[in-house]
Amino acid sequence: MLKHIVMLKFKDFADAHTKEENIERVRQVFSTLPPIIPEIKKMEFGKNMSTIDKSYDAVLYTEFEDQEAFSRYLNNHDHVAASEFIAKLRKERIIVDYLQ
């Protein structure tokens, strides 16, 4: 099982929306992916509840059967479109991928 974790910091204002609005927009975009990308075994998107300054605004957690399934996901046109959309809204991201 390959696990993919992405932590996101959003811009305060981007694409004519506030940070809070954009977090919800990203949640909605990611919620559309599991039904149309069969490689996704599990996907969760969560808004951070911490108030610590160094924390990130949201996290995406995704599971895939193996590296090959993950590679297909990364290259899937729906995932690419979602990534391009999010790139306009975020100011930072951290990614961790690991096998278990």
Protein backbone atom coordinates (compact mmCIF):
# COMPACT_ATOMS: atom_id res chain seq x y z
CA MET A 1 0.00 0.00 0.00
CA LEU A 2 1.32 3.44 -0.95
CA LYS A 3 0.20 6.36 1.18
CA HIS A 4 0.28 9.91 -0.18
CA ILE A 5 0.03 12.87 2.21
CA VAL A 6 -0.12 16.48 1.04
CA MET A 7 -0.25 19.39 3.48
CA LEU A 8 -1.36 22.73 2.06
CA LYS A 9 -1.02 26.36 3.11
CA PHE A 10 -3.44 28.58 1.24
CA LYS A 11 -3.07 32.18 0.17
CA ASP A 12 -5.22 34.58 2.19
CA PHE A 13 -7.03 35.58 -1.00
CA ALA A 14 -6.79 33.94 -4.42
CA ASP A 15 -8.94 33.45 -7.49
CA ALA A 16 -11.46 36.00 -6.12
CA HIS A 17 -12.06 33.93 -2.95
CA THR A 18 -10.96 33.97 0.67
CA LYS A 19 -8.75 31.29 2.19
CA GLU A 20 -11.76 29.67 3.87
CA GLU A 21 -13.73 29.62 0.62
CA ASN A 22 -10.79 28.14 -1.26
CA ILE A 23 -10.28 25.38 1.29
CA GLU A 24 -13.91 24.38 0.73
CA ARG A 25 -13.50 24.62 -3.05
CA VAL A 26 -10.51 22.28 -2.88
CA ARG A 27 -12.47 19.87 -0.67
CA GLN A 28 -15.19 19.79 -3.32
CA VAL A 29 -12.70 19.19 -6.15
CA PHE A 30 -11.06 16.28 -4.34
CA SER A 31 -14.41 14.74 -3.45
CA THR A 32 -15.08 14.28 -7.16
CA LEU A 33 -11.92 12.22 -7.78
CA PRO A 34 -12.50 8.84 -6.04
CA PRO A 35 -15.56 7.92 -8.11
CA ILE A 36 -13.75 8.64 -11.39
CA ILE A 37 -10.19 7.49 -10.65
CA PRO A 38 -10.24 3.77 -9.83
CA GLU A 39 -6.65 3.76 -8.52
CA ILE A 40 -7.75 5.69 -5.42
CA LYS A 41 -8.38 3.19 -2.63
CA LYS A 42 -9.06 5.81 0.02
CA MET A 43 -9.07 9.62 0.08
CA GLU A 44 -9.59 12.06 2.93
CA PHE A 45 -9.37 15.83 2.91
CA GLY A 46 -9.38 17.73 6.18
CA LYS A 47 -9.20 21.34 7.28
CA ASN A 48 -6.71 21.96 10.06
CA MET A 49 -8.17 22.79 13.46
CA SER A 50 -4.88 23.87 15.06
CA THR A 51 -4.16 27.52 15.74
CA ILE A 52 -0.38 27.09 15.92
CA ASP A 53 1.39 29.55 13.59
CA LYS A 54 3.52 26.92 11.86
CA SER A 55 0.61 24.63 11.05
CA TYR A 56 -0.76 24.08 7.56
CA ASP A 57 -4.35 24.85 6.55
CA ALA A 58 -5.42 21.46 5.18
CA VAL A 59 -4.28 17.93 4.51
CA LEU A 60 -5.01 15.40 1.78
CA TYR A 61 -4.50 11.72 2.62
CA THR A 62 -4.74 9.15 -0.19
CA GLU A 63 -4.03 5.42 -0.43
CA PHE A 64 -3.08 3.40 -3.51
CA GLU A 65 -2.47 -0.31 -4.05
CA ASP A 66 1.12 0.20 -5.23
CA GLN A 67 3.58 2.55 -6.94
CA GLU A 68 2.15 1.79 -10.39
CA ALA A 69 -1.38 2.75 -9.32
CA PHE A 70 -0.01 5.93 -7.77
CA SER A 71 1.83 6.80 -11.00
CA ARG A 72 -1.37 6.33 -13.00
CA TYR A 73 -3.18 8.62 -10.55
CA LEU A 74 -0.50 11.32 -10.85
CA ASN A 75 -0.84 11.29 -14.63
CA ASN A 76 -4.64 11.04 -14.73
CA HIS A 77 -6.07 14.10 -16.51
CA ASP A 78 -8.64 14.71 -13.73
CA HIS A 79 -5.90 14.69 -11.08
CA VAL A 80 -3.70 16.96 -13.22
CA ALA A 81 -6.59 19.43 -13.61
CA ALA A 82 -7.22 19.39 -9.84
CA SER A 83 -3.52 19.98 -9.15
CA GLU A 84 -3.40 22.92 -11.54
CA PHE A 85 -6.48 24.43 -9.89
CA ILE A 86 -4.97 24.07 -6.41
CA ALA A 87 -1.63 25.52 -7.50
CA LYS A 88 -3.36 28.90 -7.99
CA LEU A 89 -4.71 28.85 -4.43
CA ARG A 90 -1.83 27.54 -2.34
CA LYS A 91 1.29 29.29 -1.16
CA GLU A 92 3.05 26.19 0.20
CA ARG A 93 2.78 22.44 0.23
CA ILE A 94 4.61 19.52 1.76
CA ILE A 95 4.32 16.01 0.34
CA VAL A 96 5.18 12.67 1.91
CA ASP A 97 4.77 9.39 0.03
CA TYR A 98 5.55 6.08 1.69
CA LEU A 99 5.01 2.36 1.26
CA GLN A 100 3.53 0.26 4.00
